[in-house]
C-alpha atoms as a PDB file:
ATOM      1  CA  UNK A   1      82.399  30.946  54.280  1.00  0.00           C
ATOM      2  CA  UNK A   2      80.613  32.650  56.947  1.00  0.00           C
ATOM      3  CA  UNK A   3      81.020  36.248  58.035  1.00  0.00           C
ATOM      4  CA  UNK A   4      80.374  37.985  61.340  1.00  0.00           C
ATOM      5  CA  UNK A   5      79.593  41.722  61.692  1.00  0.00           C
ATOM      6  CA  UNK A   6      80.075  44.329  64.480  1.00  0.00           C
ATOM      7  CA  UNK A   7      77.897  47.363  63.784  1.00  0.00           C
ATOM      8  CA  UNK A   8      76.972  50.686  65.121  1.00  0.00           C
ATOM      9  CA  UNK A   9      73.455  52.150  64.650  1.00  0.00           C
ATOM     10  CA  UNK A  10      72.410  55.731  65.462  1.00  0.00           C
ATOM     11  CA  UNK A  11      69.242  57.444  66.141  1.00  0.00           C
ATOM     12  CA  UNK A  12      68.068  60.768  64.641  1.00  0.00           C
ATOM     13  CA  UNK A  13      69.174  62.378  67.839  1.00  0.00           C
ATOM     14  CA  UNK A  14      72.622  60.743  67.916  1.00  0.00           C
ATOM     15  CA  UNK A  15      72.007  57.750  70.394  1.00  0.00           C
ATOM     16  CA  UNK A  16      74.394  54.926  69.563  1.00  0.00           C
ATOM     17  CA  UNK A  17      74.030  51.187  69.730  1.00  0.00           C
ATOM     18  CA  UNK A  18      76.753  48.632  69.087  1.00  0.00           C
ATOM     19  CA  UNK A  19      75.767  45.078  68.046  1.00  0.00           C
ATOM     20  CA  UNK A  20      76.969  41.845  66.636  1.00  0.00           C
ATOM     21  CA  UNK A  21      75.534  39.490  63.958  1.00  0.00           C
ATOM     22  CA  UNK A  22      76.092  36.991  61.341  1.00  0.00           C
ATOM     23  CA  UNK A  23      73.513  38.471  58.943  1.00  0.00           C
ATOM     24  CA  UNK A  24      74.149  42.273  58.740  1.00  0.00           C
ATOM     25  CA  UNK A  25      71.238  42.928  56.243  1.00  0.00           C
ATOM     26  CA  UNK A  26      68.693  41.060  58.275  1.00  0.00           C
ATOM     27  CA  UNK A  27      69.800  42.466  61.596  1.00  0.00           C
ATOM     28  CA  UNK A  28      69.650  46.006  60.373  1.00  0.00           C
ATOM     29  CA  UNK A  29      66.264  45.489  58.760  1.00  0.00           C
ATOM     30  CA  UNK A  30      64.969  44.068  62.003  1.00  0.00           C
ATOM     31  CA  UNK A  31      66.050  47.260  63.725  1.00  0.00           C
ATOM     32  CA  UNK A  32      64.769  49.632  60.950  1.00  0.00           C
ATOM     33  CA  UNK A  33      61.125  47.889  61.091  1.00  0.00           C
ATOM     34  CA  UNK A  34      61.295  47.771  65.013  1.00  0.00           C
ATOM     35  CA  UNK A  35      60.928  44.103  65.074  1.00  0.00           C
ATOM     36  CA  UNK A  36      63.622  43.899  67.871  1.00  0.00           C
ATOM     37  CA  UNK A  37      62.211  44.739  71.478  1.00  0.00           C
ATOM     38  CA  UNK A  38      64.366  46.729  73.642  1.00  0.00           C
ATOM     39  CA  UNK A  39      66.819  49.724  73.432  1.00  0.00           C
ATOM     40  CA  UNK A  40      66.793  50.221  69.726  1.00  0.00           C
ATOM     41  CA  UNK A  41      63.139  50.161  69.378  1.00  0.00           C
ATOM     42  CA  UNK A  42      62.629  52.323  72.362  1.00  0.00           C
ATOM     43  CA  UNK A  43      65.033  54.875  71.364  1.00  0.00           C
ATOM     44  CA  UNK A  44      64.553  54.771  67.709  1.00  0.00           C
ATOM     45  CA  UNK A  45      68.014  53.580  66.836  1.00  0.00           C
ATOM     46  CA  UNK A  46      68.039  52.231  63.276  1.00  0.00           C
ATOM     47  CA  UNK A  47      70.601  54.033  60.908  1.00  0.00           C
ATOM     48  CA  UNK A  48      73.559  51.844  60.222  1.00  0.00           C
ATOM     49  CA  UNK A  49      76.471  54.355  60.370  1.00  0.00           C
ATOM     50  CA  UNK A  50      79.431  51.928  60.771  1.00  0.00           C
ATOM     51  CA  UNK A  51      80.265  48.304  60.479  1.00  0.00           C
ATOM     52  CA  UNK A  52      83.197  45.767  60.361  1.00  0.00           C
ATOM     53  CA  UNK A  53      83.424  42.301  58.870  1.00  0.00           C
ATOM     54  CA  UNK A  54      85.152  39.325  60.417  1.00  0.00           C
ATOM     55  CA  UNK A  55      85.675  35.645  59.587  1.00  0.00           C
ATOM     56  CA  UNK A  56      86.343  34.662  63.195  1.00  0.00           C
ATOM     57  CA  UNK A  57      83.254  34.757  65.431  1.00  0.00           C
ATOM     58  CA  UNK A  58      85.497  35.199  68.531  1.00  0.00           C
ATOM     59  CA  UNK A  59      87.231  38.181  66.962  1.00  0.00           C
ATOM     60  CA  UNK A  60      83.898  39.758  66.087  1.00  0.00           C
ATOM     61  CA  UNK A  61      82.602  39.301  69.602  1.00  0.00           C
ATOM     62  CA  UNK A  62      85.891  40.552  71.268  1.00  0.00           C
ATOM     63  CA  UNK A  63      85.660  43.685  68.919  1.00  0.00           C
ATOM     64  CA  UNK A  64      82.103  44.319  69.882  1.00  0.00           C
ATOM     65  CA  UNK A  65      83.040  44.130  73.580  1.00  0.00           C
ATOM     66  CA  UNK A  66      86.059  46.462  72.816  1.00  0.00           C
ATOM     67  CA  UNK A  67      83.830  49.080  71.118  1.00  0.00           C
ATOM     68  CA  UNK A  68      81.245  49.051  73.894  1.00  0.00           C
ATOM     69  CA  UNK A  69      83.883  49.906  76.310  1.00  0.00           C
ATOM     70  CA  UNK A  70      85.048  52.945  74.599  1.00  0.00           C
ATOM     71  CA  UNK A  71      84.028  56.341  75.395  1.00  0.00           C
ATOM     72  CA  UNK A  72      81.457  58.114  73.255  1.00  0.00           C
ATOM     73  CA  UNK A  73      84.087  60.499  71.622  1.00  0.00           C
ATOM     74  CA  UNK A  74      86.314  57.456  70.659  1.00  0.00           C
ATOM     75  CA  UNK A  75      83.392  55.940  69.044  1.00  0.00           C
ATOM     76  CA  UNK A  76      82.584  58.985  67.020  1.00  0.00           C
ATOM     77  CA  UNK A  77      86.070  59.359  65.971  1.00  0.00           C
ATOM     78  CA  UNK A  78      86.244  55.827  64.696  1.00  0.00           C
ATOM     79  CA  UNK A  79      82.874  56.461  62.782  1.00  0.00           C
ATOM     80  CA  UNK A  80      84.047  59.714  61.146  1.00  0.00           C
ATOM     81  CA  UNK A  81      87.133  57.942  59.706  1.00  0.00           C
ATOM     82  CA  UNK A  82      85.065  55.906  57.497  1.00  0.00           C
ATOM     83  CA  UNK A  83      81.784  57.720  57.371  1.00  0.00           C
ATOM     84  CA  UNK A  84      82.353  61.504  57.994  1.00  0.00           C
ATOM     85  CA  UNK A  85      78.893  62.562  57.185  1.00  0.00           C
ATOM     86  CA  UNK A  86      77.152  59.647  59.291  1.00  0.00           C
ATOM     87  CA  UNK A  87      75.072  58.631  56.430  1.00  0.00           C
ATOM     88  CA  UNK A  88      72.800  55.610  56.614  1.00  0.00           C
ATOM     89  CA  UNK A  89      75.005  52.806  54.896  1.00  0.00           C
ATOM     90  CA  UNK A  90      72.030  50.192  54.855  1.00  0.00           C
ATOM     91  CA  UNK A  91      71.135  51.171  51.094  1.00  0.00           C
ATOM     92  CA  UNK A  92      74.787  50.293  50.293  1.00  0.00           C
ATOM     93  CA  UNK A  93      74.811  47.036  51.830  1.00  0.00           C
ATOM     94  CA  UNK A  94      71.716  45.793  50.217  1.00  0.00           C
ATOM     95  CA  UNK A  95      72.650  46.857  46.656  1.00  0.00           C
END
């Protein structure tokens, strides 16, 4: 069965990025290694601080759109519920 992920990355200065992928490990690796041109590379956004897993691609895409529409405070409140210290979750997902 295929899974889809909505994820939030952060920079050391707190810049947030919300994305969608079908391979979370690969995608976060690409951000960490700066293999992805654009916003995350430019602003050093590579720390995985939040993610959600979905089985339905349309649900995941809709959730990504929803989160992108939220104000920063609401995004931070969501992150704090599951990751109060904003630790990088990448090592946990690759283990």
